């Protein structure tokens, strides 16, 4: 279980255009909220386009990414708020943090 899941970091109220991060095992991808249901318990997100920024590269394991706001890759993903307060994708059950935006790529896979 990731630290974000233990502390229930997904506590922000979702809004269209808001930032979020989807966690895929050890990777994390920035997304934006493109739709919110009337109840506020279902959202649809899309991954943002990113590119590695070699001009800001730090030491070993340090990653810098350029995240392009309002530029998307892939299809919309449906995300629902669970009874425990966590946001999870339907189908793959990936953890989503609302209000935080970052990218991490695990180079070991």
PDB file of N, CA and C in Angstrom:
ATOM      1  N   UNK A   1       0.839  -1.173   0.000  1.00  0.00           N
ATOM      2  CA  UNK A   1       0.000   0.000   0.000  1.00  0.00           C
ATOM      3  C   UNK A   1       0.892   1.246   0.000  1.00  0.00           C
ATOM      4  N   UNK A   2       0.551   2.208  -0.856  1.00  0.00           N
ATOM      5  CA  UNK A   2       1.315   3.439  -0.950  1.00  0.00           C
ATOM      6  C   UNK A   2       0.990   4.382   0.203  1.00  0.00           C
ATOM      7  N   UNK A   3       1.917   5.262   0.506  1.00  0.00           N
ATOM      8  CA  UNK A   3       1.745   6.243   1.562  1.00  0.00           C
ATOM      9  C   UNK A   3       0.486   7.085   1.333  1.00  0.00           C
ATOM     10  N   UNK A   4       0.233   7.477   0.062  1.00  0.00           N
ATOM     11  CA  UNK A   4      -0.930   8.296  -0.254  1.00  0.00           C
ATOM     12  C   UNK A   4      -2.222   7.599   0.148  1.00  0.00           C
ATOM     13  N   UNK A   5      -2.248   6.278  -0.009  1.00  0.00           N
ATOM     14  CA  UNK A   5      -3.437   5.528   0.349  1.00  0.00           C
ATOM     15  C   UNK A   5      -3.631   5.488   1.857  1.00  0.00           C
ATOM     16  N   UNK A   6      -2.535   5.369   2.594  1.00  0.00           N
ATOM     17  CA  UNK A   6      -2.618   5.296   4.050  1.00  0.00           C
ATOM     18  C   UNK A   6      -3.132   6.596   4.657  1.00  0.00           C
ATOM     19  N   UNK A   7      -2.697   7.738   4.127  1.00  0.00           N
ATOM     20  CA  UNK A   7      -3.100   9.022   4.694  1.00  0.00           C
ATOM     21  C   UNK A   7      -4.326   9.595   4.010  1.00  0.00           C
ATOM     22  N   UNK A   8      -4.864   8.879   3.020  1.00  0.00           N
ATOM     23  CA  UNK A   8      -6.054   9.308   2.292  1.00  0.00           C
ATOM     24  C   UNK A   8      -5.870  10.709   1.723  1.00  0.00           C
ATOM     25  N   UNK A   9      -4.829  10.871   0.908  1.00  0.00           N
ATOM     26  CA  UNK A   9      -4.475  12.172   0.344  1.00  0.00           C
ATOM     27  C   UNK A   9      -5.523  12.705  -0.625  1.00  0.00           C
ATOM     28  N   UNK A  10      -6.441  11.869  -1.053  1.00  0.00           N
ATOM     29  CA  UNK A  10      -7.432  12.291  -2.049  1.00  0.00           C
ATOM     30  C   UNK A  10      -8.623  12.964  -1.368  1.00  0.00           C
ATOM     31  N   UNK A  11      -8.414  14.144  -0.807  1.00  0.00           N
ATOM     32  CA  UNK A  11      -9.486  14.787  -0.061  1.00  0.00           C
ATOM     33  C   UNK A  11     -10.020  16.054  -0.734  1.00  0.00           C
ATOM     34  N   UNK A  12      -9.368  16.557  -1.781  1.00  0.00           N
ATOM     35  CA  UNK A  12      -9.839  17.762  -2.450  1.00  0.00           C
ATOM     36  C   UNK A  12     -11.129  17.505  -3.221  1.00  0.00           C
ATOM     37  N   UNK A  13     -11.921  18.556  -3.376  1.00  0.00           N
ATOM     38  CA  UNK A  13     -13.160  18.478  -4.143  1.00  0.00           C
ATOM     39  C   UNK A  13     -12.808  18.595  -5.624  1.00  0.00           C
ATOM     40  N   UNK A  14     -13.251  17.646  -6.455  1.00  0.00           N
ATOM     41  CA  UNK A  14     -12.899  17.690  -7.872  1.00  0.00           C
ATOM     42  C   UNK A  14     -13.674  18.761  -8.628  1.00  0.00           C
ATOM     43  N   UNK A  15     -13.008  19.397  -9.594  1.00  0.00           N
ATOM     44  CA  UNK A  15     -13.660  20.368 -10.468  1.00  0.00           C
ATOM     45  C   UNK A  15     -13.062  20.237 -11.858  1.00  0.00           C
ATOM     46  N   UNK A  16     -13.837  20.572 -12.871  1.00  0.00           N
ATOM     47  CA  UNK A  16     -13.375  20.474 -14.255  1.00  0.00           C
ATOM     48  C   UNK A  16     -12.136  21.343 -14.425  1.00  0.00           C
ATOM     49  N   UNK A  17     -11.109  20.759 -15.034  1.00  0.00           N
ATOM     50  CA  UNK A  17      -9.841  21.452 -15.228  1.00  0.00           C
ATOM     51  C   UNK A  17      -8.874  21.260 -14.079  1.00  0.00           C
ATOM     52  N   UNK A  18      -9.358  20.641 -13.002  1.00  0.00           N
ATOM     53  CA  UNK A  18      -8.512  20.414 -11.833  1.00  0.00           C
ATOM     54  C   UNK A  18      -7.434  19.378 -12.098  1.00  0.00           C
ATOM     55  N   UNK A  19      -6.377  19.460 -11.331  1.00  0.00           N
ATOM     56  CA  UNK A  19      -5.251  18.546 -11.478  1.00  0.00           C
ATOM     57  C   UNK A  19      -5.453  17.310 -10.614  1.00  0.00           C
ATOM     58  N   UNK A  20      -4.906  16.197 -11.096  1.00  0.00           N
ATOM     59  CA  UNK A  20      -4.904  14.969 -10.322  1.00  0.00           C
ATOM     60  C   UNK A  20      -3.762  14.087 -10.823  1.00  0.00           C
ATOM     61  N   UNK A  21      -3.442  13.066 -10.062  1.00  0.00           N
ATOM     62  CA  UNK A  21      -2.374  12.135 -10.420  1.00  0.00           C
ATOM     63  C   UNK A  21      -2.901  10.725 -10.306  1.00  0.00           C
ATOM     64  N   UNK A  22      -2.677   9.927 -11.339  1.00  0.00           N
ATOM     65  CA  UNK A  22      -3.061   8.521 -11.308  1.00  0.00           C
ATOM     66  C   UNK A  22      -1.806   7.696 -11.019  1.00  0.00           C
ATOM     67  N   UNK A  23      -1.918   6.766 -10.071  1.00  0.00           N
ATOM     68  CA  UNK A  23      -0.785   5.926  -9.679  1.00  0.00           C
ATOM     69  C   UNK A  23      -0.961   4.545 -10.302  1.00  0.00           C
ATOM     70  N   UNK A  24       0.004   4.167 -11.130  1.00  0.00           N
ATOM     71  CA  UNK A  24       0.001   2.885 -11.824  1.00  0.00           C
ATOM     72  C   UNK A  24       1.182   2.071 -11.301  1.00  0.00           C
ATOM     73  N   UNK A  25       0.966   1.278 -10.279  1.00  0.00           N
ATOM     74  CA  UNK A  25       2.027   0.540  -9.602  1.00  0.00           C
ATOM     75  C   UNK A  25       3.068   1.537  -9.111  1.00  0.00           C
ATOM     76  N   UNK A  26       4.287   1.546  -9.640  1.00  0.00           N
ATOM     77  CA  UNK A  26       5.302   2.487  -9.165  1.00  0.00           C
ATOM     78  C   UNK A  26       5.348   3.774  -9.981  1.00  0.00           C
ATOM     79  N   UNK A  27       4.652   3.838 -11.097  1.00  0.00           N
ATOM     80  CA  UNK A  27       4.615   5.052 -11.919  1.00  0.00           C
ATOM     81  C   UNK A  27       3.478   5.967 -11.460  1.00  0.00           C
ATOM     82  N   UNK A  28       3.642   7.265 -11.740  1.00  0.00           N
ATOM     83  CA  UNK A  28       2.591   8.249 -11.474  1.00  0.00           C
ATOM     84  C   UNK A  28       2.481   9.150 -12.694  1.00  0.00           C
ATOM     85  N   UNK A  29       1.263   9.406 -13.149  1.00  0.00           N
ATOM     86  CA  UNK A  29       1.038  10.233 -14.333  1.00  0.00           C
ATOM     87  C   UNK A  29       0.089  11.376 -14.014  1.00  0.00           C
ATOM     88  N   UNK A  30       0.432  12.586 -14.466  1.00  0.00           N
ATOM     89  CA  UNK A  30      -0.452  13.727 -14.237  1.00  0.00           C
ATOM     90  C   UNK A  30      -1.664  13.666 -15.150  1.00  0.00           C
ATOM     91  N   UNK A  31      -2.808  14.065 -14.613  1.00  0.00           N
ATOM     92  CA  UNK A  31      -4.065  14.074 -15.368  1.00  0.00           C
ATOM     93  C   UNK A  31      -4.826  15.348 -15.037  1.00  0.00           C
ATOM     94  N   UNK A  32      -5.848  15.600 -15.851  1.00  0.00           N
ATOM     95  CA  UNK A  32      -6.773  16.685 -15.567  1.00  0.00           C
ATOM     96  C   UNK A  32      -8.186  16.135 -15.579  1.00  0.00           C
ATOM     97  N   UNK A  33      -9.019  16.734 -14.774  1.00  0.00           N
ATOM     98  CA  UNK A  33     -10.417  16.343 -14.699  1.00  0.00           C
ATOM     99  C   UNK A  33     -11.151  17.009 -15.853  1.00  0.00           C
ATOM    100  N   UNK A  34     -11.843  16.198 -16.666  1.00  0.00           N
ATOM    101  CA  UNK A  34     -12.550  16.732 -17.827  1.00  0.00           C
ATOM    102  C   UNK A  34     -14.066  16.779 -17.628  1.00  0.00           C
ATOM    103  N   UNK A  35     -14.585  15.972 -16.701  1.00  0.00           N
ATOM    104  CA  UNK A  35     -16.020  15.986 -16.390  1.00  0.00           C
ATOM    105  C   UNK A  35     -16.218  15.594 -14.938  1.00  0.00           C
ATOM    106  N   UNK A  36     -17.283  16.115 -14.343  1.00  0.00           N
ATOM    107  CA  UNK A  36     -17.662  15.748 -12.977  1.00  0.00           C
ATOM    108  C   UNK A  36     -19.159  15.458 -12.982  1.00  0.00           C
ATOM    109  N   UNK A  37     -19.557  14.365 -12.354  1.00  0.00           N
ATOM    110  CA  UNK A  37     -20.986  14.030 -12.285  1.00  0.00           C
ATOM    111  C   UNK A  37     -21.716  15.019 -11.379  1.00  0.00           C
ATOM    112  N   UNK A  38     -23.030  15.040 -11.481  1.00  0.00           N
ATOM    113  CA  UNK A  38     -23.844  15.945 -10.664  1.00  0.00           C
ATOM    114  C   UNK A  38     -23.668  15.665  -9.172  1.00  0.00           C
ATOM    115  N   UNK A  39     -23.488  14.402  -8.813  1.00  0.00           N
ATOM    116  CA  UNK A  39     -23.311  14.040  -7.405  1.00  0.00           C
ATOM    117  C   UNK A  39     -21.907  14.358  -6.898  1.00  0.00           C
ATOM    118  N   UNK A  40     -20.957  14.526  -7.831  1.00  0.00           N
ATOM    119  CA  UNK A  40     -19.570  14.790  -7.450  1.00  0.00           C
ATOM    120  C   UNK A  40     -18.805  13.550  -7.034  1.00  0.00           C
ATOM    121  N   UNK A  41     -19.419  12.370  -7.189  1.00  0.00           N
ATOM    122  CA  UNK A  41     -18.766  11.127  -6.773  1.00  0.00           C
ATOM    123  C   UNK A  41     -18.167  10.353  -7.938  1.00  0.00           C
ATOM    124  N   UNK A  42     -18.352  10.848  -9.146  1.00  0.00           N
ATOM    125  CA  UNK A  42     -17.753  10.240 -10.335  1.00  0.00           C
ATOM    126  C   UNK A  42     -17.120  11.351 -11.157  1.00  0.00           C
ATOM    127  N   UNK A  43     -15.899  11.104 -11.597  1.00  0.00           N
ATOM    128  CA  UNK A  43     -15.205  12.056 -12.464  1.00  0.00           C
ATOM    129  C   UNK A  43     -14.607  11.304 -13.639  1.00  0.00           C
ATOM    130  N   UNK A  44     -14.299  12.034 -14.682  1.00  0.00           N
ATOM    131  CA  UNK A  44     -13.604  11.480 -15.840  1.00  0.00           C
ATOM    132  C   UNK A  44     -12.326  12.285 -16.007  1.00  0.00           C
ATOM    133  N   UNK A  45     -11.212  11.571 -16.183  1.00  0.00           N
ATOM    134  CA  UNK A  45      -9.914  12.233 -16.284  1.00  0.00           C
ATOM    135  C   UNK A  45      -9.205  11.814 -17.563  1.00  0.00           C
ATOM    136  N   UNK A  46      -8.247  12.630 -17.987  1.00  0.00           N
ATOM    137  CA  UNK A  46      -7.385  12.284 -19.122  1.00  0.00           C
ATOM    138  C   UNK A  46      -5.949  12.598 -18.733  1.00  0.00           C
ATOM    139  N   UNK A  47      -5.025  11.758 -19.199  1.00  0.00           N
ATOM    140  CA  UNK A  47      -3.612  11.986 -18.933  1.00  0.00           C
ATOM    141  C   UNK A  47      -3.108  13.167 -19.741  1.00  0.00           C
ATOM    142  N   UNK A  48      -2.273  13.975 -19.105  1.00  0.00           N
ATOM    143  CA  UNK A  48      -1.661  15.108 -19.778  1.00  0.00           C
ATOM    144  C   UNK A  48      -0.416  14.664 -20.533  1.00  0.00           C
ATOM    145  N   UNK A  49      -0.121  15.359 -21.625  1.00  0.00           N
ATOM    146  CA  UNK A  49       1.120  15.111 -22.346  1.00  0.00           C
ATOM    147  C   UNK A  49       2.275  15.582 -21.474  1.00  0.00           C
ATOM    148  N   UNK A  50       3.337  14.808 -21.471  1.00  0.00           N
ATOM    149  CA  UNK A  50       4.529  15.153 -20.704  1.00  0.00           C
ATOM    150  C   UNK A  50       5.761  14.909 -21.556  1.00  0.00           C
ATOM    151  N   UNK A  51       6.836  15.573 -21.198  1.00  0.00           N
ATOM    152  CA  UNK A  51       8.121  15.299 -21.830  1.00  0.00           C
ATOM    153  C   UNK A  51       9.206  15.523 -20.795  1.00  0.00           C
ATOM    154  N   UNK A  52      10.278  14.772 -20.944  1.00  0.00           N
ATOM    155  CA  UNK A  52      11.398  14.874 -20.027  1.00  0.00           C
ATOM    156  C   UNK A  52      12.114  16.197 -20.261  1.00  0.00           C
ATOM    157  N   UNK A  53      12.491  16.882 -19.199  1.00  0.00           N
ATOM    158  CA  UNK A  53      13.182  18.163 -19.291  1.00  0.00           C
ATOM    159  C   UNK A  53      14.651  17.971 -18.923  1.00  0.00           C
ATOM    160  N   UNK A  54      15.522  17.742 -19.910  1.00  0.00           N
ATOM    161  CA  UNK A  54      16.934  17.472 -19.615  1.00  0.00           C
ATOM    162  C   UNK A  54      17.690  18.704 -19.103  1.00  0.00           C
ATOM    163  N   UNK A  55      17.135  19.893 -19.260  1.00  0.00           N
ATOM    164  CA  UNK A  55      17.831  21.100 -18.798  1.00  0.00           C
ATOM    165  C   UNK A  55      17.798  21.235 -17.286  1.00  0.00           C
ATOM    166  N   UNK A  56      16.926  20.507 -16.622  1.00  0.00           N
ATOM    167  CA  UNK A  56      16.795  20.604 -15.172  1.00  0.00           C
ATOM    168  C   UNK A  56      17.122  19.289 -14.473  1.00  0.00           C
ATOM    169  N   UNK A  57      17.834  18.420 -15.135  1.00  0.00           N
ATOM    170  CA  UNK A  57      18.123  17.103 -14.568  1.00  0.00           C
ATOM    171  C   UNK A  57      19.031  17.233 -13.354  1.00  0.00           C
ATOM    172  N   UNK A  58      18.662  16.564 -12.299  1.00  0.00           N
ATOM    173  CA  UNK A  58      19.446  16.575 -11.065  1.00  0.00           C
ATOM    174  C   UNK A  58      20.316  15.336 -10.968  1.00  0.00           C
ATOM    175  N   UNK A  59      20.479  14.845  -9.765  1.00  0.00           N
ATOM    176  CA  UNK A  59      21.320  13.679  -9.536  1.00  0.00           C
ATOM    177  C   UNK A  59      20.627  12.386  -9.885  1.00  0.00           C
ATOM    178  N   UNK A  60      21.254  11.304  -9.538  1.00  0.00           N
ATOM    179  CA  UNK A  60      20.751   9.970  -9.821  1.00  0.00           C
ATOM    180  C   UNK A  60      19.330   9.798  -9.271  1.00  0.00           C
ATOM    181  N   UNK A  61      18.414   9.382 -10.111  1.00  0.00           N
ATOM    182  CA  UNK A  61      17.047   9.129  -9.709  1.00  0.00           C
ATOM    183  C   UNK A  61      16.151  10.350  -9.684  1.00  0.00           C
ATOM    184  N   UNK A  62      16.720  11.527  -9.893  1.00  0.00           N
ATOM    185  CA  UNK A  62      15.922  12.756  -9.881  1.00  0.00           C
ATOM    186  C   UNK A  62      15.316  12.955 -11.262  1.00  0.00           C
ATOM    187  N   UNK A  63      14.018  13.217 -11.325  1.00  0.00           N
ATOM    188  CA  UNK A  63      13.340  13.362 -12.605  1.00  0.00           C
ATOM    189  C   UNK A  63      12.645  14.713 -12.688  1.00  0.00           C
ATOM    190  N   UNK A  64      12.799  15.346 -13.828  1.00  0.00           N
ATOM    191  CA  UNK A  64      12.088  16.592 -14.093  1.00  0.00           C
ATOM    192  C   UNK A  64      11.285  16.416 -15.364  1.00  0.00           C
ATOM    193  N   UNK A  65      10.032  16.738 -15.287  1.00  0.00           N
ATOM    194  CA  UNK A  65       9.130  16.568 -16.419  1.00  0.00           C
ATOM    195  C   UNK A  65       8.421  17.873 -16.717  1.00  0.00           C
ATOM    196  N   UNK A  66       8.212  18.148 -17.983  1.00  0.00           N
ATOM    197  CA  UNK A  66       7.374  19.247 -18.414  1.00  0.00           C
ATOM    198  C   UNK A  66       5.973  18.676 -18.598  1.00  0.00           C
ATOM    199  N   UNK A  67       5.003  19.237 -17.905  1.00  0.00           N
ATOM    200  CA  UNK A  67       3.617  18.781 -17.996  1.00  0.00           C
ATOM    201  C   UNK A  67       2.846  19.826 -18.774  1.00  0.00           C
ATOM    202  N   UNK A  68       2.211  19.395 -19.848  1.00  0.00           N
ATOM    203  CA  UNK A  68       1.475  20.309 -20.721  1.00  0.00           C
ATOM    204  C   UNK A  68       0.007  20.356 -20.308  1.00  0.00           C
ATOM    205  N   UNK A  69      -0.385  21.484 -19.731  1.00  0.00           N
ATOM    206  CA  UNK A  69      -1.764  21.660 -19.290  1.00  0.00           C
ATOM    207  C   UNK A  69      -2.694  21.758 -20.499  1.00  0.00           C
ATOM    208  N   UNK A  70      -3.842  21.108 -20.407  1.00  0.00           N
ATOM    209  CA  UNK A  70      -4.871  21.090 -21.453  1.00  0.00           C
ATOM    210  C   UNK A  70      -4.415  20.430 -22.749  1.00  0.00           C
ATOM    211  N   UNK A  71      -3.341  19.639 -22.715  1.00  0.00           N
ATOM    212  CA  UNK A  71      -2.920  18.805 -23.848  1.00  0.00           C
ATOM    213  C   UNK A  71      -2.942  17.367 -23.349  1.00  0.00           C
ATOM    214  N   UNK A  72      -3.728  16.532 -24.030  1.00  0.00           N
ATOM    215  CA  UNK A  72      -4.005  15.205 -23.493  1.00  0.00           C
ATOM    216  C   UNK A  72      -3.497  14.077 -24.382  1.00  0.00           C
ATOM    217  N   UNK A  73      -3.331  12.920 -23.739  1.00  0.00           N
ATOM    218  CA  UNK A  73      -2.995  11.670 -24.417  1.00  0.00           C
ATOM    219  C   UNK A  73      -4.007  10.630 -23.969  1.00  0.00           C
ATOM    220  N   UNK A  74      -4.402   9.774 -24.879  1.00  0.00           N
ATOM    221  CA  UNK A  74      -5.267   8.661 -24.513  1.00  0.00           C
ATOM    222  C   UNK A  74      -6.717   9.044 -24.302  1.00  0.00           C
ATOM    223  N   UNK A  75      -7.478   8.051 -23.884  1.00  0.00           N
ATOM    224  CA  UNK A  75      -8.919   8.192 -23.691  1.00  0.00           C
ATOM    225  C   UNK A  75      -9.246   8.653 -22.276  1.00  0.00           C
ATOM    226  N   UNK A  76     -10.499   9.054 -22.091  1.00  0.00           N
ATOM    227  CA  UNK A  76     -10.976   9.401 -20.763  1.00  0.00           C
ATOM    228  C   UNK A  76     -11.025   8.145 -19.889  1.00  0.00           C
ATOM    229  N   UNK A  77     -10.765   8.337 -18.599  1.00  0.00           N
ATOM    230  CA  UNK A  77     -10.883   7.258 -17.623  1.00  0.00           C
ATOM    231  C   UNK A  77     -11.923   7.656 -16.592  1.00  0.00           C
ATOM    232  N   UNK A  78     -12.781   6.726 -16.249  1.00  0.00           N
ATOM    233  CA  UNK A  78     -13.820   6.975 -15.247  1.00  0.00           C
ATOM    234  C   UNK A  78     -13.243   6.667 -13.868  1.00  0.00           C
ATOM    235  N   UNK A  79     -13.463   7.583 -12.926  1.00  0.00           N
ATOM    236  CA  UNK A  79     -12.946   7.448 -11.570  1.00  0.00           C
ATOM    237  C   UNK A  79     -14.108   7.667 -10.606  1.00  0.00           C
ATOM    238  N   UNK A  80     -14.223   6.800  -9.606  1.00  0.00           N
ATOM    239  CA  UNK A  80     -15.305   6.926  -8.630  1.00  0.00           C
ATOM    240  C   UNK A  80     -14.743   7.054  -7.222  1.00  0.00           C
ATOM    241  N   UNK A  81     -15.489   7.756  -6.385  1.00  0.00           N
ATOM    242  CA  UNK A  81     -15.106   7.897  -4.988  1.00  0.00           C
ATOM    243  C   UNK A  81     -15.677   6.719  -4.211  1.00  0.00           C
ATOM    244  N   UNK A  82     -14.814   6.014  -3.489  1.00  0.00           N
ATOM    245  CA  UNK A  82     -15.227   4.832  -2.752  1.00  0.00           C
ATOM    246  C   UNK A  82     -15.720   5.210  -1.348  1.00  0.00           C
ATOM    247  N   UNK A  83     -16.315   4.256  -0.669  1.00  0.00           N
ATOM    248  CA  UNK A  83     -16.855   4.496   0.663  1.00  0.00           C
ATOM    249  C   UNK A  83     -15.773   4.942   1.649  1.00  0.00           C
ATOM    250  N   UNK A  84     -14.535   4.506   1.429  1.00  0.00           N
ATOM    251  CA  UNK A  84     -13.436   4.877   2.325  1.00  0.00           C
ATOM    252  C   UNK A  84     -12.842   6.247   1.973  1.00  0.00           C
ATOM    253  N   UNK A  85     -13.432   6.943   0.978  1.00  0.00           N
ATOM    254  CA  UNK A  85     -12.973   8.276   0.605  1.00  0.00           C
ATOM    255  C   UNK A  85     -11.918   8.308  -0.487  1.00  0.00           C
ATOM    256  N   UNK A  86     -11.429   7.141  -0.905  1.00  0.00           N
ATOM    257  CA  UNK A  86     -10.412   7.084  -1.949  1.00  0.00           C
ATOM    258  C   UNK A  86     -11.045   7.175  -3.325  1.00  0.00           C
ATOM    259  N   UNK A  87     -10.311   7.757  -4.261  1.00  0.00           N
ATOM    260  CA  UNK A  87     -10.710   7.811  -5.668  1.00  0.00           C
ATOM    261  C   UNK A  87      -9.989   6.696  -6.396  1.00  0.00           C
ATOM    262  N   UNK A  88     -10.752   5.864  -7.121  1.00  0.00           N
ATOM    263  CA  UNK A  88     -10.188   4.727  -7.852  1.00  0.00           C
ATOM    264  C   UNK A  88     -10.785   4.670  -9.249  1.00  0.00           C
ATOM    265  N   UNK A  89      -9.958   4.257 -10.220  1.00  0.00           N
ATOM    266  CA  UNK A  89     -10.462   4.084 -11.579  1.00  0.00           C
ATOM    267  C   UNK A  89     -11.359   2.859 -11.622  1.00  0.00           C
ATOM    268  N   UNK A  90     -12.363   2.893 -12.489  1.00  0.00           N
ATOM    269  CA  UNK A  90     -13.211   1.717 -12.656  1.00  0.00           C
ATOM    270  C   UNK A  90     -12.472   0.734 -13.553  1.00  0.00           C
ATOM    271  N   UNK A  91     -12.606  -0.519 -13.271  1.00  0.00           N
ATOM    272  CA  UNK A  91     -11.937  -1.550 -14.065  1.00  0.00           C
ATOM    273  C   UNK A  91     -10.571  -1.900 -13.514  1.00  0.00           C
ATOM    274  N   UNK A  92      -9.610  -1.006 -13.629  1.00  0.00           N
ATOM    275  CA  UNK A  92      -8.234  -1.319 -13.212  1.00  0.00           C
ATOM    276  C   UNK A  92      -7.969  -0.989 -11.740  1.00  0.00           C
ATOM    277  N   UNK A  93      -8.859  -0.233 -11.092  1.00  0.00           N
ATOM    278  CA  UNK A  93      -8.766   0.071  -9.667  1.00  0.00           C
ATOM    279  C   UNK A  93      -7.495   0.825  -9.283  1.00  0.00           C
ATOM    280  N   UNK A  94      -6.981   1.681 -10.160  1.00  0.00           N
ATOM    281  CA  UNK A  94      -5.791   2.475  -9.866  1.00  0.00           C
ATOM    282  C   UNK A  94      -6.155   3.628  -8.937  1.00  0.00           C
ATOM    283  N   UNK A  95      -5.237   3.972  -8.050  1.00  0.00           N
ATOM    284  CA  UNK A  95      -5.436   5.035  -7.067  1.00  0.00           C
ATOM    285  C   UNK A  95      -5.227   6.394  -7.725  1.00  0.00           C
ATOM    286  N   UNK A  96      -6.129   7.352  -7.468  1.00  0.00           N
ATOM    287  CA  UNK A  96      -6.050   8.700  -8.035  1.00  0.00           C
ATOM    288  C   UNK A  96      -6.050   9.708  -6.892  1.00  0.00           C
ATOM    289  N   UNK A  97      -5.090  10.640  -6.938  1.00  0.00           N
ATOM    290  CA  UNK A  97      -5.003  11.708  -5.947  1.00  0.00           C
ATOM    291  C   UNK A  97      -5.514  12.990  -6.595  1.00  0.00           C
ATOM    292  N   UNK A  98      -6.520  13.612  -5.990  1.00  0.00           N
ATOM    293  CA  UNK A  98      -7.111  14.844  -6.499  1.00  0.00           C
ATOM    294  C   UNK A  98      -6.338  16.033  -5.926  1.00  0.00           C
ATOM    295  N   UNK A  99      -6.055  17.020  -6.790  1.00  0.00           N
ATOM    296  CA  UNK A  99      -5.415  18.246  -6.335  1.00  0.00           C
ATOM    297  C   UNK A  99      -3.902  18.232  -6.380  1.00  0.00           C
ATOM    298  N   UNK A 100      -3.299  17.103  -6.711  1.00  0.00           N
ATOM    299  CA  UNK A 100      -1.841  17.008  -6.828  1.00  0.00           C
ATOM    300  C   UNK A 100      -1.490  16.591  -8.244  1.00  0.00           C
ATOM    301  N   UNK A 101      -0.373  17.108  -8.737  1.00  0.00           N
ATOM    302  CA  UNK A 101       0.006  16.865 -10.128  1.00  0.00           C
ATOM    303  C   UNK A 101       1.489  16.572 -10.191  1.00  0.00           C
ATOM    304  N   UNK A 102       1.845  15.362 -10.534  1.00  0.00           N
ATOM    305  CA  UNK A 102       3.260  15.054 -10.734  1.00  0.00           C
ATOM    306  C   UNK A 102       3.414  13.810 -11.607  1.00  0.00           C
ATOM    307  N   UNK A 103       4.624  13.632 -12.098  1.00  0.00           N
ATOM    308  CA  UNK A 103       4.938  12.464 -12.917  1.00  0.00           C
ATOM    309  C   UNK A 103       6.170  11.802 -12.343  1.00  0.00           C
ATOM    310  N   UNK A 104       6.122  10.491 -12.302  1.00  0.00           N
ATOM    311  CA  UNK A 104       7.282   9.699 -11.931  1.00  0.00           C
ATOM    312  C   UNK A 104       7.300   8.466 -12.816  1.00  0.00           C
ATOM    313  N   UNK A 105       8.429   8.207 -13.414  1.00  0.00           N
ATOM    314  CA  UNK A 105       8.583   7.030 -14.268  1.00  0.00           C
ATOM    315  C   UNK A 105       9.624   6.130 -13.636  1.00  0.00           C
ATOM    316  N   UNK A 106       9.254   4.880 -13.373  1.00  0.00           N
ATOM    317  CA  UNK A 106      10.169   3.906 -12.803  1.00  0.00           C
ATOM    318  C   UNK A 106      10.973   3.271 -13.920  1.00  0.00           C
ATOM    319  N   UNK A 107      12.234   3.640 -14.028  1.00  0.00           N
ATOM    320  CA  UNK A 107      13.097   3.196 -15.129  1.00  0.00           C
ATOM    321  C   UNK A 107      13.461   1.715 -15.026  1.00  0.00           C
ATOM    322  N   UNK A 108      13.160   1.057 -13.919  1.00  0.00           N
ATOM    323  CA  UNK A 108      13.541  -0.334 -13.745  1.00  0.00           C
ATOM    324  C   UNK A 108      12.593  -1.324 -14.379  1.00  0.00           C
ATOM    325  N   UNK A 109      11.466  -0.857 -14.947  1.00  0.00           N
ATOM    326  CA  UNK A 109      10.536  -1.775 -15.601  1.00  0.00           C
ATOM    327  C   UNK A 109      10.578  -1.597 -17.090  1.00  0.00           C
TER     328      UNK A 109
END
